[in-house]
Protein backbone atom coordinates (compact mmCIF):
# COMPACT_ATOMS: atom_id res chain seq x y z
CA UNK A 1 69.79 139.96 101.47
CA UNK A 2 69.90 136.98 103.66
CA UNK A 3 73.00 134.74 103.78
CA UNK A 4 72.65 131.33 102.30
CA UNK A 5 71.82 128.89 104.61
CA UNK A 6 74.84 126.75 106.08
CA UNK A 7 73.66 123.06 105.76
CA UNK A 8 76.43 120.47 107.30
CA UNK A 9 78.09 117.92 104.92
CA UNK A 10 76.86 119.53 101.81
CA UNK A 11 79.63 120.03 99.31
CA UNK A 12 80.02 123.14 97.25
CA UNK A 13 78.36 123.65 94.07
CA UNK A 14 75.07 122.16 95.22
CA UNK A 15 71.95 124.17 95.58
CA UNK A 16 71.08 124.79 99.19
CA UNK A 17 67.49 125.49 98.37
CA UNK A 18 67.04 122.21 96.45
CA UNK A 19 68.67 120.31 99.43
CA UNK A 20 66.12 121.92 102.08
CA UNK A 21 63.14 121.20 99.76
CA UNK A 22 64.42 117.36 99.76
CA UNK A 23 64.59 117.47 103.58
CA UNK A 24 61.16 118.87 104.00
CA UNK A 25 59.99 116.28 101.47
CA UNK A 26 61.58 113.61 103.47
CA UNK A 27 60.32 114.72 107.03
CA UNK A 28 56.61 115.08 105.75
CA UNK A 29 56.73 111.48 103.91
CA UNK A 30 54.62 108.86 105.41
CA UNK A 31 57.36 106.54 105.72
CA UNK A 32 59.68 108.82 107.62
CA UNK A 33 59.60 106.98 111.11
CA UNK A 34 60.82 103.54 109.32
CA UNK A 35 63.13 105.44 107.11
CA UNK A 36 64.51 107.16 110.39
CA UNK A 37 64.57 104.03 112.38
CA UNK A 38 66.79 102.49 109.77
CA UNK A 39 69.10 105.36 109.44
CA UNK A 40 69.76 105.16 113.37
CA UNK A 41 70.37 101.45 113.16
CA UNK A 42 73.58 102.11 111.69
CA UNK A 43 74.25 105.16 113.99
CA UNK A 44 73.21 107.87 111.16
CA UNK A 45 76.10 106.83 108.85
CA UNK A 46 76.33 109.46 106.13
CA UNK A 47 76.99 106.66 103.43
CA UNK A 48 75.42 103.58 104.35
CA UNK A 49 75.77 100.55 102.03
CA UNK A 50 72.47 99.14 101.09
CA UNK A 51 71.97 95.22 100.65
CA UNK A 52 69.36 93.53 99.13
CA UNK A 53 68.01 89.74 99.18
CA UNK A 54 65.53 87.38 99.17
CA UNK A 55 64.84 85.06 101.94
CA UNK A 56 63.48 81.30 101.74
CA UNK A 57 59.94 82.50 101.71
CA UNK A 58 60.60 84.76 98.66
CA UNK A 59 60.43 88.28 100.54
CA UNK A 60 62.59 90.70 99.69
CA UNK A 61 64.80 91.97 102.70
CA UNK A 62 66.82 95.13 102.79
CA UNK A 63 69.73 95.78 105.16
CA UNK A 64 72.04 98.90 105.77
CA UNK A 65 75.61 98.58 106.64
CA UNK A 66 78.08 101.13 107.89
CA UNK A 67 80.49 102.71 105.67
CA UNK A 68 83.24 102.37 108.04
CA UNK A 69 85.26 105.40 106.78
CA UNK A 70 87.61 106.66 109.48
CA UNK A 71 87.54 110.32 107.89
CA UNK A 72 85.50 112.80 109.81
CA UNK A 73 84.76 114.95 106.51
CA UNK A 74 83.27 111.90 105.10
CA UNK A 75 81.34 110.21 107.66
CA UNK A 76 81.18 111.89 111.13
CA UNK A 77 79.36 109.10 112.67
CA UNK A 78 81.59 106.19 111.46
CA UNK A 79 84.83 108.35 112.05
CA UNK A 80 83.83 108.99 115.62
CA UNK A 81 83.24 105.03 116.02
CA UNK A 82 86.69 104.59 114.51
CA UNK A 83 88.50 106.99 116.76
CA UNK A 84 86.46 105.27 120.11
CA UNK A 85 87.88 102.06 118.95
CA UNK A 86 91.34 103.38 118.51
CA UNK A 87 91.08 104.97 121.97
CA UNK A 88 90.19 101.42 123.50
CA UNK A 89 92.90 100.01 121.49
CA UNK A 90 95.63 102.41 122.83
CA UNK A 91 94.04 102.60 126.42
CA UNK A 92 94.33 98.96 126.47
CA UNK A 93 97.65 98.80 125.51
CA UNK A 94 98.79 101.62 128.05
CA UNK A 95 96.98 100.79 131.27
CA UNK A 96 95.52 97.22 130.77
CA UNK A 97 92.53 95.84 132.48
CA UNK A 98 90.47 95.71 129.62
CA UNK A 99 89.86 93.84 126.43
CA UNK A 100 91.98 90.70 127.87
CA UNK A 101 95.16 92.91 128.38
CA UNK A 102 96.72 92.08 131.58
CA UNK A 103 96.82 95.20 134.13
CA UNK A 104 100.60 94.67 134.41
CA UNK A 105 101.22 96.67 131.22
CA UNK A 106 100.54 99.78 133.23
CA UNK A 107 103.91 99.50 134.99
CA UNK A 108 105.95 98.58 132.28
CA UNK A 109 108.43 101.24 130.48
CA UNK A 110 106.47 103.04 127.80
CA UNK A 111 107.45 106.14 125.55
CA UNK A 112 105.34 108.47 123.57
CA UNK A 113 107.54 109.73 120.46
CA UNK A 114 106.73 111.87 117.48
CA UNK A 115 109.03 111.50 114.20
CA UNK A 116 108.89 114.54 112.13
CA UNK A 117 110.08 114.90 108.45
CA UNK A 118 113.32 117.16 107.79
CA UNK A 119 113.05 120.92 106.63
CA UNK A 120 112.59 121.17 102.80
CA UNK A 121 112.13 124.75 103.08
CA UNK A 122 110.87 127.85 105.07
CA UNK A 123 107.32 127.86 105.59
CA UNK A 124 104.81 129.76 107.66
CA UNK A 125 104.08 128.38 111.15
CA UNK A 126 101.53 128.99 113.91
CA UNK A 127 103.46 128.69 116.81
CA UNK A 128 101.73 131.57 118.95
CA UNK A 129 104.53 134.06 118.10
CA UNK A 130 106.01 135.79 115.40
CA UNK A 131 106.27 133.32 112.41
CA UNK A 132 109.83 134.20 111.57
CA UNK A 133 111.21 136.87 113.68
CA UNK A 134 114.02 138.96 112.30
CA UNK A 135 116.27 138.32 115.15
CA UNK A 136 115.73 134.38 114.95
CA UNK A 137 116.99 134.20 111.22
CA UNK A 138 119.82 136.84 111.42
CA UNK A 139 118.51 140.08 109.86
CA UNK A 140 116.64 140.91 106.71
CA UNK A 141 117.62 137.92 104.72
CA UNK A 142 116.33 137.04 101.30
CA UNK A 143 116.51 133.93 99.22
CA UNK A 144 118.31 133.87 96.00
CA UNK A 145 114.93 134.79 94.40
CA UNK A 146 114.66 137.82 96.20
CA UNK A 147 112.11 136.80 98.46
CA UNK A 148 112.16 137.65 102.03
CA UNK A 149 112.81 134.80 104.51
CA UNK A 150 111.12 136.69 107.48
CA UNK A 151 107.38 137.03 108.32
CA UNK A 152 106.22 139.13 111.41
CA UNK A 153 102.66 137.90 111.14
CA UNK A 154 101.25 135.92 114.32
CA UNK A 155 99.26 133.16 112.25
CA UNK A 156 96.29 131.47 113.72
CA UNK A 157 96.02 127.60 113.22
CA UNK A 158 93.06 128.53 110.71
CA UNK A 159 95.08 130.75 108.77
CA UNK A 160 95.51 129.51 105.07
CA UNK A 161 99.27 130.30 105.00
CA UNK A 162 100.15 128.01 107.71
CA UNK A 163 102.35 125.08 106.00
CA UNK A 164 103.13 127.23 102.56
CA UNK A 165 106.83 127.82 101.72
CA UNK A 166 107.95 131.50 101.88
CA UNK A 167 109.47 130.80 98.37
CA UNK A 168 107.96 127.91 96.16
CA UNK A 169 111.20 128.10 93.94
CA UNK A 170 113.52 127.26 96.82
CA UNK A 171 111.32 124.54 98.22
CA UNK A 172 112.79 121.16 97.92
CA UNK A 173 109.49 119.40 96.35
CA UNK A 174 111.43 116.37 95.05
CA UNK A 175 112.84 115.63 98.73
CA UNK A 176 109.43 116.17 100.14
CA UNK A 177 107.79 113.57 97.79
CA UNK A 178 110.64 111.05 98.14
CA UNK A 179 110.38 111.15 101.94
CA UNK A 180 106.64 110.83 101.75
CA UNK A 181 107.05 107.82 99.59
CA UNK A 182 109.61 105.87 101.51
CA UNK A 183 108.30 106.82 105.05
CA UNK A 184 107.07 103.23 105.42
CA UNK A 185 110.41 101.74 104.61
CA UNK A 186 112.27 104.27 106.99
CA UNK A 187 109.66 103.26 109.86
CA UNK A 188 110.58 99.77 109.26
CA UNK A 189 114.35 100.32 109.47
CA UNK A 190 113.73 102.36 112.47
CA UNK A 191 112.11 99.51 114.50
CA UNK A 192 114.99 97.22 113.45
CA UNK A 193 117.46 99.82 114.66
CA UNK A 194 115.77 100.29 117.69
CA UNK A 195 115.84 96.45 118.65
CA UNK A 196 119.04 96.43 117.81
CA UNK A 197 120.26 99.25 119.92
CA UNK A 198 117.97 97.70 123.02
CA UNK A 199 120.01 94.38 122.29
CA UNK A 200 123.26 96.35 122.42
CA UNK A 201 122.11 97.89 125.55
CA UNK A 202 121.10 94.86 127.46
CA UNK A 203 124.30 93.16 126.50
CA UNK A 204 126.59 95.97 127.84
CA UNK A 205 124.47 95.55 131.35
CA UNK A 206 125.01 91.75 131.27
CA UNK A 207 121.46 91.03 130.67
CA UNK A 208 120.11 88.27 128.22
CA UNK A 209 118.89 90.14 125.02
CA UNK A 210 115.77 87.98 124.71
CA UNK A 211 114.22 88.95 128.21
CA UNK A 212 112.67 92.05 126.55
CA UNK A 213 110.51 92.62 123.50
CA UNK A 214 109.31 95.94 121.98
CA UNK A 215 105.95 96.64 120.94
CA UNK A 216 104.27 99.60 119.36
CA UNK A 217 101.07 101.33 117.93
CA UNK A 218 101.84 103.99 115.54
CA UNK A 219 99.63 106.66 113.98
CA UNK A 220 100.28 108.81 110.91
CA UNK A 221 99.42 112.35 110.72
CA UNK A 222 99.83 115.08 107.91
CA UNK A 223 101.35 118.15 109.03
CA UNK A 224 100.34 121.75 107.89
CA UNK A 225 103.02 121.40 105.13
CA UNK A 226 101.59 118.52 103.68
CA UNK A 227 104.15 115.88 104.71
CA UNK A 228 103.30 113.08 107.08
CA UNK A 229 104.91 112.75 110.52
CA UNK A 230 104.55 109.69 113.14
CA UNK A 231 103.13 109.51 116.49
CA UNK A 232 103.97 106.37 118.33
CA UNK A 233 103.71 104.58 121.63
CA UNK A 234 106.53 101.98 122.30
CA UNK A 235 106.37 99.64 125.21
CA UNK A 236 108.64 96.82 126.33
CA UNK A 237 107.13 93.31 127.13
CA UNK A 238 108.66 90.21 128.71
CA UNK A 239 109.33 87.44 126.12
CA UNK A 240 106.97 85.11 124.66
CA UNK A 241 105.66 82.19 127.12
CA UNK A 242 106.38 84.62 130.43
CA UNK A 243 103.51 84.51 132.80
CA UNK A 244 103.17 88.40 132.56
CA UNK A 245 102.52 88.54 128.80
CA UNK A 246 100.37 91.35 127.46
CA UNK A 247 97.26 89.42 126.77
CA UNK A 248 95.26 86.52 128.20
CA UNK A 249 92.05 84.89 127.15
CA UNK A 250 92.20 86.43 123.55
CA UNK A 251 91.47 84.73 120.25
CA UNK A 252 94.27 86.08 118.63
CA UNK A 253 96.88 84.73 121.14
CA UNK A 254 97.85 81.33 122.51
CA UNK A 255 96.04 81.20 125.93
CA UNK A 256 96.23 77.44 126.41
CA UNK A 257 99.02 75.15 127.34
CA UNK A 258 101.42 73.60 124.87
CA UNK A 259 99.79 70.08 125.25
CA UNK A 260 96.10 71.64 125.01
CA UNK A 261 94.20 71.27 121.44
CA UNK A 262 92.62 74.19 120.27
CA UNK A 263 89.97 75.43 122.47
CA UNK A 264 90.74 72.94 125.18
CA UNK A 265 93.15 72.34 127.94
CA UNK A 266 93.55 74.51 131.13
CA UNK A 267 94.15 78.29 130.77
CA UNK A 268 97.65 79.71 131.34
CA UNK A 269 98.08 81.04 135.08
CA UNK A 270 100.67 83.51 136.17
CA UNK A 271 102.30 81.24 138.54
CA UNK A 272 105.98 82.48 137.97
CA UNK A 273 107.35 85.72 139.59
CA UNK A 274 106.24 89.10 138.28
CA UNK A 275 108.56 90.54 135.32
CA UNK A 276 110.69 93.42 136.15
CA UNK A 277 111.93 95.40 133.26
CA UNK A 278 115.71 95.64 133.13
CA UNK A 279 115.86 99.38 131.78
CA UNK A 280 113.62 102.33 132.68
CA UNK A 281 111.33 104.34 130.32
CA UNK A 282 113.96 107.05 130.38
CA UNK A 283 116.67 104.90 129.13
CA UNK A 284 114.26 103.46 126.41
CA UNK A 285 113.67 107.21 125.41
CA UNK A 286 117.11 107.68 124.87
CA UNK A 287 117.37 104.23 122.82
CA UNK A 288 114.53 105.87 120.60
CA UNK A 289 116.53 108.94 120.13
CA UNK A 290 119.35 107.43 119.01
CA UNK A 291 117.71 104.93 116.51
CA UNK A 292 115.66 107.63 115.06
CA UNK A 293 118.79 110.01 114.58
CA UNK A 294 120.93 107.49 113.07
CA UNK A 295 118.49 105.54 110.56
CA UNK A 296 118.81 106.46 106.87
CA UNK A 297 117.71 105.21 103.50
CA UNK A 298 119.59 105.76 100.28
CA UNK A 299 117.39 106.09 97.45
CA UNK A 300 118.16 106.42 93.73
CA UNK A 301 118.13 110.36 92.65
CA UNK A 302 115.39 110.52 90.06
CA UNK A 303 116.85 113.33 88.16
CA UNK A 304 114.24 113.73 85.57
CA UNK A 305 115.98 116.76 83.91
CA UNK A 306 118.92 114.70 82.87
CA UNK A 307 118.76 113.50 79.02
CA UNK A 308 120.79 110.37 78.23
CA UNK A 309 120.36 107.55 75.98
CA UNK A 310 121.50 105.07 78.69
CA UNK A 311 120.05 106.12 81.89
CA UNK A 312 121.90 103.43 83.52
CA UNK A 313 125.42 104.58 82.60
CA UNK A 314 127.26 105.01 85.48
CA UNK A 315 129.21 108.37 84.63
CA UNK A 316 125.63 109.83 84.00
CA UNK A 317 123.92 108.76 87.17
CA UNK A 318 123.36 111.34 90.09
CA UNK A 319 124.47 110.61 93.44
CA UNK A 320 121.92 109.02 95.67
CA UNK A 321 119.86 111.00 97.97
CA UNK A 322 119.58 110.08 101.67
CA UNK A 323 116.24 109.98 103.18
CA UNK A 324 116.09 110.45 106.97
CA UNK A 325 113.88 111.73 109.81
CA UNK A 326 114.05 115.31 110.69
CA UNK A 327 115.64 116.96 113.90
CA UNK A 328 112.60 117.56 115.66
CA UNK A 329 112.27 114.11 117.40
CA UNK A 330 110.39 113.94 120.65
CA UNK A 331 110.53 111.01 123.05
CA UNK A 332 108.76 111.47 126.39
CA UNK A 333 108.28 108.62 129.08
CA UNK A 334 104.79 107.80 129.80
CA UNK A 335 103.67 108.00 133.24
CA UNK A 336 102.17 105.06 134.81
CA UNK A 337 98.37 104.93 135.82
CA UNK A 338 99.29 105.13 139.55
CA UNK A 339 102.18 107.55 139.13
CA UNK A 340 101.67 110.32 141.92
CA UNK A 341 101.23 113.88 140.93
CA UNK A 342 104.71 115.44 140.82
CA UNK A 343 105.59 118.70 142.39
CA UNK A 344 107.54 121.58 140.57
CA UNK A 345 110.74 119.96 141.87
CA UNK A 346 110.10 116.51 140.55
CA UNK A 347 112.27 115.58 137.48
CA UNK A 348 109.16 113.78 136.16
CA UNK A 349 106.86 117.13 136.08
CA UNK A 350 106.75 117.18 132.29
CA UNK A 351 105.26 113.68 132.58
CA UNK A 352 101.79 115.28 133.36
CA UNK A 353 101.42 115.78 129.86
CA UNK A 354 101.66 112.30 128.84
CA UNK A 355 99.22 110.46 130.89
CA UNK A 356 97.88 107.31 129.16
CA UNK A 357 94.29 108.81 128.90
CA UNK A 358 95.57 112.08 127.28
CA UNK A 359 97.99 110.17 124.97
CA UNK A 360 95.18 107.68 123.92
CA UNK A 361 92.73 110.81 122.97
CA UNK A 362 95.74 112.35 120.94
CA UNK A 363 96.02 109.61 118.79
CA UNK A 364 92.42 108.79 118.45
CA UNK A 365 92.04 112.46 117.25
CA UNK A 366 94.86 111.95 114.64
CA UNK A 367 93.44 108.85 112.88
CA UNK A 368 90.27 110.99 111.95
CA UNK A 369 92.11 113.48 109.77
CA UNK A 370 92.14 113.14 106.03
CA UNK A 371 93.42 115.35 103.25
CA UNK A 372 90.26 116.86 102.58
CA UNK A 373 91.44 119.76 104.70
CA UNK A 374 94.02 120.19 101.85
CA UNK A 375 91.28 119.88 99.16
CA UNK A 376 92.17 116.36 97.92
CA UNK A 377 89.28 113.97 98.02
CA UNK A 378 89.65 110.40 99.29
CA UNK A 379 89.70 108.93 95.83
CA UNK A 380 92.16 108.09 93.36
CA UNK A 381 93.43 111.08 91.22
CA UNK A 382 94.79 111.24 87.77
CA UNK A 383 97.32 113.48 86.63
CA UNK A 384 94.94 115.33 84.29
CA UNK A 385 92.74 116.22 87.16
CA UNK A 386 95.56 118.12 88.80
CA UNK A 387 94.83 121.46 87.41
CA UNK A 388 91.32 121.47 87.98
CA UNK A 389 91.61 120.91 91.78
CA UNK A 390 90.77 123.75 94.11
CA UNK A 391 93.95 123.33 96.11
CA UNK A 392 96.75 125.87 97.13
CA UNK A 393 99.80 126.24 94.86
CA UNK A 394 101.79 124.22 97.50
CA UNK A 395 99.57 120.99 97.23
CA UNK A 396 99.43 121.26 93.44
CA UNK A 397 103.16 121.44 93.33
CA UNK A 398 103.43 118.35 95.28
CA UNK A 399 100.83 116.62 93.01
CA UNK A 400 102.56 117.82 89.82
CA UNK A 401 105.97 116.38 91.21
CA UNK A 402 104.44 113.19 92.08
CA UNK A 403 102.88 112.83 88.57
CA UNK A 404 106.47 114.00 86.96
CA UNK A 405 108.06 111.17 88.56
CA UNK A 406 105.52 108.65 87.84
CA UNK A 407 105.82 109.49 83.93
CA UNK A 408 109.68 109.20 84.14
CA UNK A 409 110.23 106.51 86.70
CA UNK A 410 110.24 103.56 84.18
CA UNK A 411 112.46 105.93 81.66
CA UNK A 412 114.89 106.42 84.14
CA UNK A 413 114.77 102.74 85.39
CA UNK A 414 114.00 103.68 88.95
CA UNK A 415 111.88 100.74 89.91
CA UNK A 416 111.62 102.22 93.60
CA UNK A 417 109.14 104.84 92.18
CA UNK A 418 106.87 102.18 90.30
CA UNK A 419 103.47 102.90 91.10
CA UNK A 420 103.65 106.51 92.65
CA UNK A 421 101.32 107.84 90.54
CA UNK A 422 98.51 105.72 91.87
CA UNK A 423 98.84 107.43 95.24
CA UNK A 424 98.08 111.07 94.13
CA UNK A 425 95.16 111.22 96.47
CA UNK A 426 97.51 110.71 99.57
CA UNK A 427 100.36 113.08 98.22
CA UNK A 428 102.57 110.07 97.82
CA UNK A 429 102.05 108.35 101.03
CA UNK A 430 101.37 104.61 100.35
CA UNK A 431 101.38 103.45 104.15
CA UNK A 432 98.60 102.52 106.61
CA UNK A 433 97.45 105.32 108.81
CA UNK A 434 97.30 103.14 111.82
CA UNK A 435 99.64 99.97 112.57
CA UNK A 436 100.49 98.08 115.70
CA UNK A 437 102.83 95.04 116.79
CA UNK A 438 100.63 91.86 117.29
CA UNK A 439 101.07 91.68 121.11
CA UNK A 440 100.63 95.49 121.91
CA UNK A 441 96.74 95.53 122.10
CA UNK A 442 93.44 94.15 121.30
CA UNK A 443 92.78 94.29 117.78
CA UNK A 444 90.24 96.41 115.81
CA UNK A 445 88.47 93.22 114.56
CA UNK A 446 88.04 92.02 117.98
CA UNK A 447 86.40 95.28 119.16
CA UNK A 448 83.97 95.18 116.34
CA UNK A 449 82.85 91.69 117.07
CA UNK A 450 82.48 92.77 121.10
CA UNK A 451 80.06 95.37 119.57
CA UNK A 452 78.39 93.36 117.34
CA UNK A 453 77.66 90.89 119.93
CA UNK A 454 76.39 93.37 122.32
CA UNK A 455 74.04 94.67 119.64
CA UNK A 456 72.65 91.39 118.90
CA UNK A 457 72.13 90.87 122.86
CA UNK A 458 70.50 94.20 123.16
CA UNK A 459 67.87 93.46 120.29
CA UNK A 460 67.10 90.22 121.75
CA UNK A 461 66.13 91.92 124.78
CA UNK A 462 63.57 93.87 122.72
CA UNK A 463 60.37 91.74 122.67
CA UNK A 464 58.73 94.01 119.73
CA UNK A 465 59.02 92.68 116.08
CA UNK A 466 61.92 94.57 114.30
CA UNK A 467 60.59 97.08 111.81
CA UNK A 468 63.94 97.52 109.96
CA UNK A 469 66.98 95.71 109.52
CA UNK A 470 70.71 96.46 110.56
CA UNK A 471 74.14 95.00 110.73
CA UNK A 472 72.88 92.23 113.30
CA UNK A 473 70.18 91.03 111.26
CA UNK A 474 72.72 90.49 108.49
CA UNK A 475 74.84 88.17 110.85
CA UNK A 476 71.88 86.29 111.94
CA UNK A 477 70.37 85.87 108.53
CA UNK A 478 73.71 85.45 106.54
CA UNK A 479 72.90 81.66 106.18
CA UNK A 480 69.32 81.92 104.66
CA UNK A 481 69.59 85.25 102.55
CA UNK A 482 71.82 85.81 99.63
CA UNK A 483 72.97 89.29 100.14
CA UNK A 484 73.70 91.51 97.09
CA UNK A 485 75.08 95.08 96.71
CA UNK A 486 72.32 97.52 95.75
CA UNK A 487 73.70 100.91 96.42
CA UNK A 488 75.91 103.17 98.47
CA UNK A 489 74.93 106.61 100.11
CA UNK A 490 71.75 108.09 100.42
CA UNK A 491 68.97 108.55 98.10
CA UNK A 492 69.19 112.32 97.73
CA UNK A 493 71.40 115.06 99.14
CA UNK A 494 68.42 116.12 101.45
CA UNK A 495 68.42 112.69 102.98
CA UNK A 496 72.32 112.90 103.59
CA UNK A 497 72.07 116.38 105.19
CA UNK A 498 69.43 115.05 107.68
CA UNK A 499 71.44 112.19 108.77
CA UNK A 500 74.61 114.12 108.76
CA UNK A 501 73.16 116.63 111.13
CA UNK A 502 71.78 114.19 113.44
CA UNK A 503 75.21 112.47 113.76
CA UNK A 504 76.84 115.48 114.70
CA UNK A 505 74.19 116.26 117.25
CA UNK A 506 74.65 112.68 118.95
CA UNK A 507 78.26 113.18 118.72
CA UNK A 508 78.13 116.47 120.44
CA UNK A 509 75.64 115.01 123.09
CA UNK A 510 77.92 112.14 123.91
CA UNK A 511 80.87 114.32 124.29
CA UNK A 512 79.21 116.85 126.68
CA UNK A 513 77.86 113.88 128.85
CA UNK A 514 81.42 112.52 129.17
CA UNK A 515 82.86 116.05 130.06
CA UNK A 516 80.03 116.51 132.69
CA UNK A 517 80.24 113.01 134.08
CA UNK A 518 84.14 113.33 134.29
CA UNK A 519 83.75 116.81 135.83
CA UNK A 520 81.10 115.43 138.41
CA UNK A 521 83.44 112.62 139.21
CA UNK A 522 86.35 114.78 140.20
CA UNK A 523 84.36 117.09 142.07
CA UNK A 524 83.10 114.20 144.09
CA UNK A 525 86.81 112.76 144.47
CA UNK A 526 87.90 116.07 145.98
CA UNK A 527 84.92 117.08 148.04
CA UNK A 528 85.92 117.07 151.67
CA UNK A 529 83.57 114.73 154.13
CA UNK A 530 80.12 116.34 154.60
CA UNK A 531 80.33 118.17 151.00
CA UNK A 532 80.55 121.72 150.50
CA UNK A 533 78.52 124.60 152.46
CA UNK A 534 75.13 125.64 150.90
């Protein structure tokens, strides 16, 4: 018996034979070429938004707009575009020289750091060696429930057991959920603590504290144990108004002299001396470590097992819980673009792995991840739907804990947990996946505006009349047509599969071309004069 056909982007439970029949019907239809060009006008988006409208002559107009979903499992095309925009944002902030970011940022102290969650119980890991060796844990130990605390298996990254607790009864699901829920506030307190540490350090060196400003870009990623951790790039900048400010020529910043009106006046010029950072990247990494290890957040203990007529009674209140980052805090100085390649004896040999291009690629990869890998869709959930989800027992226990806290938050008078039930679909995380300081780099909106302008200019060079409408048509005709929402997504699963496959093929082709271009450039750079023999 032949194995069922594997169709990309088709969820479980849908008849693949019916999807293939829909694909063949679309490919053989007379209007396929027009439909295919329309799908290509939005980059083969898997869930395009269709808008309809009527122009001043009474003709019906149809336009497709990208869904702009960052999740790779939802829309590969828009996810890849979001990752490329993130790469541009991070690369501009680390090396400069693009998107109105001064090249001087490449010489400023920068640190790539990772903040993880504390341990809430032993879990399976994929470290490349034995998961939990007997010798490392001190022998054949067992938990109070009689389950072994060792695991001699070498797990692959795709192993379903990675991230699952060795004993679910010992795992602290309450602490897990509270850390996830309060992580945005913990990060805010970390930024405050870092600025205070920076001020103290500068004062101890006899330097004016206002001569340095810290800016950052942050990306949140879910670990295998279904808890978020933070990757961030922190950079030191001169104060506002200095000749070496990070941005120039941007609409989001003040580029003109103080006496100029909006849009007029002379553009600022770098007439002052170049800014010299008062501390090094290694010193900044030390200050980051100190701030991350000392910042804490006291939260009210949501003791849902406590039964009391008066939950606010002092002698019946559990002690507060302390939320803090885990012990695995990594802060590595970022080597500058013109940093020479270190030798084995160079103390900066570890900085090879933290080059600006590599770090930008890391962060761009993280933003496309979603909870789909854990079996949780990108839609709001209800507590009643938890039992029907196709998830692991670990994820189900997290969702159950969140739902339990949501039901009892009002009864216990815990206002800090108000609304936690609305974030079941994010496992309790209520923050943004990507955030940055205003001065760090270009904005995502500015990058989209640049791309829209390029698209319109490219379309203007085409003398042939357009056979389909896309996003740049919408921008040009917005004053003439009253657009309204018609539908989201493709008409049939077969249409979506055709577009989904085309998006994956375009992404693969583009990445292959980039790899080959870089390899060729690297070969040409290291070729001796006269080329290779043969």
